[in-house]
Amino acid sequence: MAKSTRTLLEVGMWKAMAEFLACPLSKQPLRYCERTGSLICDALSVSYPIVDGVPLLDPREGKILDVAPALADNPSSNDPEAI
């Protein structure tokens, strides 16, 4: 299987899995970020890594995202890592 095909399959899998996973702190849904390959909790602006195909949802593994002031003024933005 070509690397690009595998990557597309993995991205699709994580987008589907994110519908069933929740942030361990806020209990809110997570979404998959293609740019970082991590799961994002928009409620808390926390990123959880995926290592060797395993999401690390331990709160100690979460990374707090920097949210720019412009983003705080625009709550309709869906990607706090797009800054």
Protein backbone atom coordinates (compact mmCIF):
# COMPACT_ATOMS: atom_id res chain seq x y z
CA MET A 1 0.00 0.00 0.00
CA ALA A 2 1.38 3.40 -0.95
CA LYS A 3 2.31 5.78 1.85
CA SER A 4 -0.12 8.48 0.67
CA THR A 5 -2.98 5.96 0.59
CA ARG A 6 -2.18 4.78 4.08
CA THR A 7 -2.08 8.36 5.30
CA LEU A 8 -5.48 9.08 3.75
CA LEU A 9 -6.90 5.96 5.38
CA GLU A 10 -5.44 6.94 8.76
CA VAL A 11 -6.86 10.47 8.51
CA GLY A 12 -10.29 9.08 7.67
CA MET A 13 -10.08 6.62 10.54
CA TRP A 14 -9.18 9.32 13.08
CA LYS A 15 -11.92 11.63 11.85
CA ALA A 16 -14.41 8.79 12.36
CA MET A 17 -12.94 7.79 15.75
CA ALA A 18 -13.06 11.39 17.01
CA GLU A 19 -16.86 11.17 16.90
CA PHE A 20 -16.72 8.52 19.64
CA LEU A 21 -13.92 9.93 21.79
CA ALA A 22 -14.27 12.61 24.45
CA CYS A 23 -11.86 14.84 26.32
CA PRO A 24 -11.02 13.19 29.66
CA LEU A 25 -11.28 16.57 31.43
CA SER A 26 -14.24 18.37 29.86
CA LYS A 27 -16.08 15.28 28.55
CA GLN A 28 -16.64 17.27 25.32
CA PRO A 29 -16.11 15.79 21.84
CA LEU A 30 -12.67 15.71 20.28
CA ARG A 31 -11.79 16.44 16.66
CA TYR A 32 -8.86 15.24 14.58
CA CYS A 33 -6.35 17.86 13.42
CA GLU A 34 -4.73 16.76 10.15
CA ARG A 35 -1.92 19.32 10.47
CA THR A 36 -0.64 18.05 13.82
CA GLY A 37 -1.99 14.50 13.75
CA SER A 38 -3.53 14.98 17.18
CA LEU A 39 -6.96 15.07 18.79
CA ILE A 40 -8.19 18.52 19.82
CA CYS A 41 -10.59 19.48 22.61
CA ASP A 42 -12.02 22.82 21.49
CA ALA A 43 -13.76 23.35 24.85
CA LEU A 44 -10.42 23.56 26.70
CA SER A 45 -8.03 24.25 23.80
CA VAL A 46 -6.05 21.10 24.58
CA SER A 47 -4.29 18.84 22.09
CA TYR A 48 -3.85 15.13 22.81
CA PRO A 49 -1.13 13.32 20.82
CA ILE A 50 -1.54 10.11 18.86
CA VAL A 51 1.57 7.93 19.24
CA ASP A 52 2.00 4.79 17.12
CA GLY A 53 -1.73 4.87 16.36
CA VAL A 54 -2.76 5.12 20.02
CA PRO A 55 -4.45 8.32 21.28
CA LEU A 56 -2.89 9.41 24.58
CA LEU A 57 -5.94 10.73 26.42
CA ASP A 58 -4.27 10.95 29.81
CA PRO A 59 -4.72 14.56 31.01
CA ARG A 60 -0.96 14.69 31.73
CA GLU A 61 -0.30 14.08 28.01
CA GLY A 62 -2.50 16.99 26.88
CA LYS A 63 -0.86 20.14 25.57
CA ILE A 64 -2.57 23.49 26.14
CA LEU A 65 -2.88 25.36 22.86
CA ASP A 66 -2.08 29.05 22.54
CA VAL A 67 -5.18 30.88 21.41
CA ALA A 68 -4.48 34.29 19.86
CA PRO A 69 -6.62 37.25 20.98
CA ALA A 70 -8.06 37.51 17.44
CA LEU A 71 -9.33 33.97 17.74
CA ALA A 72 -11.00 34.74 21.08
CA ASP A 73 -12.94 37.52 19.32
CA ASN A 74 -14.06 35.07 16.61
CA PRO A 75 -15.72 32.08 18.32
CA SER A 76 -16.81 30.69 14.94
CA SER A 77 -13.24 29.59 14.15
CA ASN A 78 -12.89 25.80 14.30
CA ASP A 79 -9.11 25.43 14.42
CA PRO A 80 -7.19 26.98 17.31
CA GLU A 81 -4.00 25.55 15.81
CA ALA A 82 -4.49 27.44 12.54
CA ILE A 83 -2.69 30.46 14.00
